[in-house]
Amino acid sequence: MLPYKRSQRVSDLIREEIADIIMNKVKDPRLGFVTVTGAKITEDLKIATIYLSILKEEEKETTLEMLNSAKGFIRAELAKRLRMKFIPSLTFRIDESLEYGVRIEKLLREIKKED
């Protein structure tokens, strides 16, 4: 038996490939410092949501707009690299989990200071 489901293996592979495509193939001056933090794909492998972390707060919107406009190119590059019958449609989102983790860490420090 496999250690985890096919959709999870495919999402890990898509995350790695999209990170490489963004770093090496996308040539747009509006592109800020982007890290692909995760990918979730539906069970039928038709829709993939890509989670991004963008370094500068003021570049988040422009970088997200640029990647959403380039998703056709990114999907075509992905099709060249993956041997799948269907290449999933892509949606890019900002990963809020890092900010959430920082906020919880700050709250825990404040509680510790009070004690």
Protein backbone atom coordinates (compact mmCIF):
# COMPACT_ATOMS: atom_id res chain seq x y z
CA MET A 1 0.00 0.00 0.00
CA LEU A 2 1.19 3.49 -0.80
CA PRO A 3 2.13 5.80 2.08
CA TYR A 4 -0.31 8.49 0.96
CA LYS A 5 -2.90 9.20 -1.69
CA ARG A 6 -2.19 9.97 -5.32
CA SER A 7 -3.66 13.46 -5.06
CA GLN A 8 -1.21 14.28 -2.28
CA ARG A 9 1.76 12.94 -4.27
CA VAL A 10 0.66 14.92 -7.33
CA SER A 11 0.23 18.11 -5.29
CA ASP A 12 3.76 17.74 -3.90
CA LEU A 13 5.12 17.28 -7.41
CA ILE A 14 3.13 20.24 -8.75
CA ARG A 15 4.40 22.45 -5.90
CA GLU A 16 8.02 21.62 -6.76
CA GLU A 17 7.54 22.08 -10.50
CA ILE A 18 5.66 25.37 -10.21
CA ALA A 19 8.34 26.73 -7.88
CA ASP A 20 10.96 25.88 -10.49
CA ILE A 21 8.88 27.37 -13.31
CA ILE A 22 8.35 30.64 -11.41
CA MET A 23 12.06 30.89 -10.56
CA ASN A 24 13.48 30.01 -13.96
CA LYS A 25 10.88 30.51 -16.69
CA VAL A 26 8.64 33.43 -15.73
CA LYS A 27 10.39 36.60 -16.83
CA ASP A 28 8.32 39.51 -15.56
CA PRO A 29 9.77 42.57 -13.79
CA ARG A 30 6.66 42.81 -11.57
CA LEU A 31 7.48 39.45 -10.00
CA GLY A 32 8.57 39.93 -6.40
CA PHE A 33 10.35 37.45 -4.14
CA VAL A 34 7.93 34.50 -4.17
CA THR A 35 8.03 31.21 -2.30
CA VAL A 36 5.62 28.41 -3.19
CA THR A 37 4.59 27.14 0.23
CA GLY A 38 2.06 24.53 -0.76
CA ALA A 39 -0.34 23.08 -3.26
CA LYS A 40 -3.71 21.44 -2.79
CA ILE A 41 -5.34 19.47 -5.54
CA THR A 42 -8.84 18.07 -5.74
CA GLU A 43 -9.36 14.31 -5.61
CA ASP A 44 -10.17 14.21 -9.34
CA LEU A 45 -6.89 16.08 -10.10
CA LYS A 46 -8.69 18.80 -12.08
CA ILE A 47 -8.13 21.92 -9.91
CA ALA A 48 -4.95 22.90 -8.08
CA THR A 49 -4.69 25.73 -5.58
CA ILE A 50 -1.15 27.02 -5.20
CA TYR A 51 -0.26 28.84 -1.96
CA LEU A 52 2.39 31.54 -2.11
CA SER A 53 4.39 33.54 0.37
CA ILE A 54 5.51 36.95 -0.91
CA LEU A 55 8.27 38.77 0.94
CA LYS A 56 7.18 42.41 0.61
CA GLU A 57 3.68 43.35 1.74
CA GLU A 58 3.30 46.04 -0.95
CA GLU A 59 4.17 43.58 -3.76
CA LYS A 60 1.56 40.98 -2.83
CA GLU A 61 -1.28 42.24 -5.03
CA THR A 62 0.82 42.95 -8.13
CA THR A 63 2.66 39.63 -7.87
CA LEU A 64 -0.60 37.73 -7.41
CA GLU A 65 -2.17 39.52 -10.39
CA MET A 66 0.89 38.80 -12.51
CA LEU A 67 0.89 35.10 -11.64
CA ASN A 68 -2.85 34.81 -12.28
CA SER A 69 -2.36 36.41 -15.70
CA ALA A 70 0.56 34.03 -16.44
CA LYS A 71 -1.21 30.89 -15.27
CA GLY A 72 -1.78 29.75 -18.86
CA PHE A 73 1.96 29.86 -19.52
CA ILE A 74 2.71 28.14 -16.19
CA ARG A 75 0.15 25.43 -16.93
CA ALA A 76 1.66 24.86 -20.40
CA GLU A 77 5.13 24.53 -18.86
CA LEU A 78 3.69 22.14 -16.30
CA ALA A 79 2.19 20.04 -19.10
CA LYS A 80 5.66 19.68 -20.65
CA ARG A 81 7.11 18.42 -17.37
CA LEU A 82 4.36 16.11 -16.09
CA ARG A 83 3.10 12.95 -17.71
CA MET A 84 -0.56 13.24 -16.81
CA LYS A 85 -3.69 12.87 -18.88
CA PHE A 86 -5.17 16.11 -17.52
CA ILE A 87 -3.15 19.05 -16.27
CA PRO A 88 -5.10 20.77 -13.47
CA SER A 89 -6.29 24.34 -13.77
CA LEU A 90 -4.34 26.61 -11.44
CA THR A 91 -5.44 29.12 -8.84
CA PHE A 92 -2.91 31.20 -6.90
CA ARG A 93 -3.56 32.33 -3.33
CA ILE A 94 -1.56 34.07 -0.62
CA ASP A 95 -0.61 31.69 2.19
CA GLU A 96 -1.96 33.22 5.39
CA SER A 97 -0.67 30.44 7.66
CA LEU A 98 2.74 32.06 8.17
CA GLU A 99 1.19 35.32 9.35
CA TYR A 100 -1.23 33.37 11.53
CA GLY A 101 1.67 31.48 13.13
CA VAL A 102 3.57 34.70 13.82
CA ARG A 103 0.46 36.19 15.43
CA ILE A 104 -0.03 33.17 17.71
CA GLU A 105 3.66 33.23 18.66
CA LYS A 106 3.33 36.92 19.60
CA LEU A 107 0.24 36.20 21.73
CA LEU A 108 2.01 33.35 23.52
CA ARG A 109 4.97 35.62 24.31
CA GLU A 110 2.63 38.24 25.72
CA ILE A 111 0.97 35.65 27.95
CA LYS A 112 4.37 34.43 29.13
CA LYS A 113 5.43 38.01 30.00
CA GLU A 114 2.30 38.52 32.11
CA ASP A 115 3.13 35.47 34.22
